């Protein structure tokens, strides 16, 4: 099972444009971690949106939450709906 975590909960609204999205995503994360089901957390990295410092903070927070399998995925900017984010 996989779950996409885009950012720290406090940064989600800015990244997604959806109010409250961080709280919902991280609530889902906590439920998944507590479930005992095997899972992988994935974060898609766009270098203009997630700096190395933010990624380090995200990874630390995920570890504190109990996540042991966090994978980074490179953003394919050729498929961004927001044309300001294309390479």
N, C-alpha and C. Protein backbone atom coordinates (compact mmCIF):
# COMPACT_ATOMS: atom_id res chain seq x y z
N UNK A 1 0.84 -1.17 0.00
CA UNK A 1 0.00 0.00 0.00
C UNK A 1 0.90 1.24 0.00
N UNK A 2 0.47 2.27 -0.67
CA UNK A 2 1.23 3.50 -0.70
C UNK A 2 0.36 4.70 -0.34
N UNK A 3 0.98 5.68 0.24
CA UNK A 3 0.30 6.94 0.57
C UNK A 3 1.21 8.09 0.19
N UNK A 4 0.65 9.04 -0.51
CA UNK A 4 1.39 10.23 -0.93
C UNK A 4 1.30 11.28 0.17
N UNK A 5 2.45 11.67 0.68
CA UNK A 5 2.53 12.79 1.62
C UNK A 5 3.35 13.87 0.92
N UNK A 6 2.72 14.99 0.66
CA UNK A 6 3.32 16.03 -0.17
C UNK A 6 4.26 16.96 0.58
N UNK A 7 4.00 17.16 1.88
CA UNK A 7 4.74 18.17 2.63
C UNK A 7 4.41 18.04 4.11
N UNK A 8 5.03 18.89 4.89
CA UNK A 8 4.65 19.00 6.30
C UNK A 8 3.20 19.48 6.37
N UNK A 9 2.47 19.11 7.40
CA UNK A 9 1.06 19.51 7.45
C UNK A 9 0.85 21.01 7.35
N UNK A 10 1.74 21.78 7.95
CA UNK A 10 1.59 23.24 7.93
C UNK A 10 1.91 23.86 6.57
N UNK A 11 2.53 23.09 5.67
CA UNK A 11 2.87 23.60 4.34
C UNK A 11 1.91 23.12 3.26
N UNK A 12 1.04 22.19 3.59
CA UNK A 12 0.14 21.58 2.60
C UNK A 12 -0.75 22.59 1.90
N UNK A 13 -1.41 23.46 2.64
CA UNK A 13 -2.37 24.39 2.03
C UNK A 13 -1.73 25.22 0.93
N UNK A 14 -0.50 25.67 1.16
CA UNK A 14 0.22 26.46 0.16
C UNK A 14 0.54 25.61 -1.06
N UNK A 15 0.94 24.38 -0.83
CA UNK A 15 1.32 23.49 -1.93
C UNK A 15 0.12 23.03 -2.74
N UNK A 16 -0.98 22.69 -2.07
CA UNK A 16 -2.15 22.14 -2.76
C UNK A 16 -3.19 23.17 -3.14
N UNK A 17 -3.20 24.30 -2.43
CA UNK A 17 -4.24 25.29 -2.66
C UNK A 17 -5.57 24.90 -2.04
N UNK A 18 -5.55 23.89 -1.18
CA UNK A 18 -6.77 23.38 -0.55
C UNK A 18 -6.67 23.56 0.95
N UNK A 19 -7.54 24.35 1.51
CA UNK A 19 -7.53 24.62 2.94
C UNK A 19 -7.80 23.33 3.73
N UNK A 20 -6.98 23.08 4.74
CA UNK A 20 -7.16 21.91 5.60
C UNK A 20 -6.61 20.61 5.05
N UNK A 21 -6.00 20.66 3.87
CA UNK A 21 -5.53 19.42 3.25
C UNK A 21 -4.40 18.75 4.03
N UNK A 22 -3.57 19.53 4.69
CA UNK A 22 -2.48 18.95 5.47
C UNK A 22 -2.97 18.14 6.65
N UNK A 23 -3.96 18.67 7.34
CA UNK A 23 -4.49 17.96 8.50
C UNK A 23 -5.09 16.63 8.08
N UNK A 24 -5.83 16.62 6.97
CA UNK A 24 -6.47 15.38 6.49
C UNK A 24 -5.43 14.36 6.05
N UNK A 25 -4.42 14.81 5.32
CA UNK A 25 -3.39 13.89 4.84
C UNK A 25 -2.63 13.27 6.01
N UNK A 26 -2.28 14.08 6.99
CA UNK A 26 -1.51 13.57 8.12
C UNK A 26 -2.38 12.73 9.07
N UNK A 27 -3.68 12.99 9.12
CA UNK A 27 -4.59 12.10 9.86
C UNK A 27 -4.60 10.73 9.19
N UNK A 28 -4.66 10.71 7.87
CA UNK A 28 -4.62 9.45 7.13
C UNK A 28 -3.31 8.72 7.38
N UNK A 29 -2.22 9.47 7.41
CA UNK A 29 -0.92 8.88 7.70
C UNK A 29 -0.91 8.21 9.08
N UNK A 30 -1.41 8.90 10.08
CA UNK A 30 -1.43 8.34 11.43
C UNK A 30 -2.28 7.07 11.49
N UNK A 31 -3.40 7.06 10.81
CA UNK A 31 -4.24 5.87 10.77
C UNK A 31 -3.52 4.71 10.08
N UNK A 32 -2.83 4.99 9.00
CA UNK A 32 -2.09 3.96 8.28
C UNK A 32 -0.97 3.38 9.13
N UNK A 33 -0.20 4.25 9.77
CA UNK A 33 0.90 3.78 10.63
C UNK A 33 0.37 2.89 11.75
N UNK A 34 -0.75 3.29 12.34
CA UNK A 34 -1.34 2.54 13.45
C UNK A 34 -2.00 1.23 13.01
N UNK A 35 -2.29 1.10 11.72
CA UNK A 35 -3.05 -0.06 11.23
C UNK A 35 -2.27 -1.37 11.26
N UNK A 36 -0.95 -1.29 11.16
CA UNK A 36 -0.15 -2.51 11.09
C UNK A 36 -0.02 -3.05 9.68
N UNK A 37 -0.64 -2.42 8.70
CA UNK A 37 -0.55 -2.83 7.31
C UNK A 37 0.79 -2.37 6.74
N UNK A 38 1.41 -3.20 5.90
CA UNK A 38 2.65 -2.79 5.24
C UNK A 38 2.35 -1.64 4.27
N UNK A 39 3.21 -0.62 4.27
CA UNK A 39 2.96 0.56 3.46
C UNK A 39 4.27 1.23 3.06
N UNK A 40 4.16 2.13 2.10
CA UNK A 40 5.26 2.98 1.68
C UNK A 40 4.71 4.40 1.58
N UNK A 41 5.43 5.35 2.14
CA UNK A 41 5.07 6.76 2.01
C UNK A 41 5.89 7.33 0.86
N UNK A 42 5.22 8.05 -0.02
CA UNK A 42 5.89 8.62 -1.19
C UNK A 42 5.72 10.14 -1.20
N UNK A 43 6.80 10.80 -1.59
CA UNK A 43 6.77 12.25 -1.76
C UNK A 43 7.34 12.57 -3.13
N UNK A 44 6.55 13.27 -3.93
CA UNK A 44 7.02 13.70 -5.24
C UNK A 44 7.72 15.04 -5.07
N UNK A 45 8.96 15.10 -5.55
CA UNK A 45 9.80 16.27 -5.30
C UNK A 45 9.91 17.13 -6.55
N UNK A 46 9.42 18.36 -6.42
CA UNK A 46 9.65 19.40 -7.42
C UNK A 46 10.63 20.37 -6.77
N UNK A 47 11.81 20.58 -7.36
CA UNK A 47 12.85 21.36 -6.69
C UNK A 47 12.47 22.80 -6.34
N UNK A 48 11.49 23.36 -7.01
CA UNK A 48 11.07 24.72 -6.69
C UNK A 48 10.07 24.74 -5.53
N UNK A 49 9.49 23.60 -5.21
CA UNK A 49 8.47 23.54 -4.16
C UNK A 49 8.97 22.89 -2.88
N UNK A 50 9.89 21.94 -3.00
CA UNK A 50 10.43 21.25 -1.83
C UNK A 50 11.95 21.34 -1.85
N UNK A 51 12.48 22.23 -1.05
CA UNK A 51 13.92 22.42 -0.96
C UNK A 51 14.54 21.27 -0.17
N UNK A 52 15.85 21.07 -0.26
CA UNK A 52 16.49 20.05 0.56
C UNK A 52 16.23 20.23 2.06
N UNK A 53 16.19 21.47 2.52
CA UNK A 53 15.92 21.71 3.95
C UNK A 53 14.51 21.27 4.32
N UNK A 54 13.52 21.57 3.47
CA UNK A 54 12.15 21.14 3.74
C UNK A 54 12.02 19.62 3.68
N UNK A 55 12.74 18.99 2.74
CA UNK A 55 12.71 17.53 2.65
C UNK A 55 13.29 16.89 3.91
N UNK A 56 14.34 17.47 4.43
CA UNK A 56 14.95 16.95 5.66
C UNK A 56 13.96 17.07 6.83
N UNK A 57 13.29 18.20 6.92
CA UNK A 57 12.29 18.39 7.98
C UNK A 57 11.14 17.40 7.81
N UNK A 58 10.70 17.21 6.58
CA UNK A 58 9.61 16.27 6.30
C UNK A 58 10.02 14.86 6.70
N UNK A 59 11.20 14.44 6.30
CA UNK A 59 11.66 13.10 6.63
C UNK A 59 11.76 12.91 8.15
N UNK A 60 12.26 13.90 8.85
CA UNK A 60 12.35 13.82 10.32
C UNK A 60 10.97 13.68 10.95
N UNK A 61 10.01 14.47 10.48
CA UNK A 61 8.66 14.41 11.03
C UNK A 61 8.01 13.07 10.73
N UNK A 62 8.24 12.55 9.52
CA UNK A 62 7.70 11.24 9.17
C UNK A 62 8.27 10.16 10.09
N UNK A 63 9.56 10.22 10.34
CA UNK A 63 10.19 9.25 11.25
C UNK A 63 9.59 9.35 12.65
N UNK A 64 9.37 10.58 13.12
CA UNK A 64 8.76 10.77 14.44
C UNK A 64 7.35 10.17 14.50
N UNK A 65 6.68 10.13 13.35
CA UNK A 65 5.33 9.59 13.28
C UNK A 65 5.33 8.06 13.22
N UNK A 66 6.52 7.50 12.96
CA UNK A 66 6.64 6.04 12.91
C UNK A 66 6.87 5.48 11.52
N UNK A 67 7.03 6.34 10.54
CA UNK A 67 7.26 5.90 9.16
C UNK A 67 8.69 5.36 9.03
N UNK A 68 8.81 4.17 8.44
CA UNK A 68 10.14 3.59 8.21
C UNK A 68 10.46 3.44 6.72
N UNK A 69 9.46 3.59 5.86
CA UNK A 69 9.68 3.45 4.42
C UNK A 69 9.16 4.70 3.71
N UNK A 70 10.05 5.65 3.48
CA UNK A 70 9.71 6.91 2.81
C UNK A 70 10.53 7.00 1.53
N UNK A 71 9.84 7.06 0.41
CA UNK A 71 10.50 7.12 -0.88
C UNK A 71 10.24 8.46 -1.56
N UNK A 72 11.28 8.99 -2.19
CA UNK A 72 11.16 10.23 -2.94
C UNK A 72 11.01 9.90 -4.42
N UNK A 73 10.15 10.65 -5.09
CA UNK A 73 9.93 10.50 -6.53
C UNK A 73 10.21 11.84 -7.18
N UNK A 74 10.91 11.82 -8.29
CA UNK A 74 11.17 13.04 -9.03
C UNK A 74 9.91 13.45 -9.78
N UNK A 75 9.58 14.71 -9.70
CA UNK A 75 8.41 15.25 -10.39
C UNK A 75 8.66 15.28 -11.90
N UNK A 76 7.73 14.76 -12.65
CA UNK A 76 7.78 14.83 -14.10
C UNK A 76 7.09 16.13 -14.51
N UNK A 77 7.86 17.17 -14.71
CA UNK A 77 7.29 18.49 -14.96
C UNK A 77 6.58 18.59 -16.31
N UNK A 78 6.77 17.63 -17.17
CA UNK A 78 6.08 17.63 -18.45
C UNK A 78 4.60 17.38 -18.33
N UNK A 79 4.16 16.93 -17.14
CA UNK A 79 2.75 16.64 -16.93
C UNK A 79 2.10 17.56 -15.89
N UNK A 80 2.73 18.66 -15.55
CA UNK A 80 2.17 19.59 -14.56
C UNK A 80 0.98 20.34 -15.16
N UNK A 81 -0.12 20.37 -14.43
CA UNK A 81 -1.26 21.15 -14.86
C UNK A 81 -1.00 22.64 -14.73
N UNK A 82 -0.17 23.00 -13.74
CA UNK A 82 0.21 24.40 -13.55
C UNK A 82 1.44 24.67 -14.43
N UNK A 83 1.27 25.39 -15.50
CA UNK A 83 2.35 25.61 -16.46
C UNK A 83 3.51 26.42 -15.89
N UNK A 84 3.30 27.09 -14.76
CA UNK A 84 4.41 27.81 -14.15
C UNK A 84 5.41 26.86 -13.51
N UNK A 85 5.03 25.59 -13.35
CA UNK A 85 5.91 24.60 -12.72
C UNK A 85 6.63 23.71 -13.71
N UNK A 86 6.40 23.92 -15.01
CA UNK A 86 7.07 23.10 -16.00
C UNK A 86 8.50 23.57 -16.19
N UNK A 87 9.33 22.63 -16.56
CA UNK A 87 10.78 22.93 -16.71
C UNK A 87 11.05 23.71 -17.97
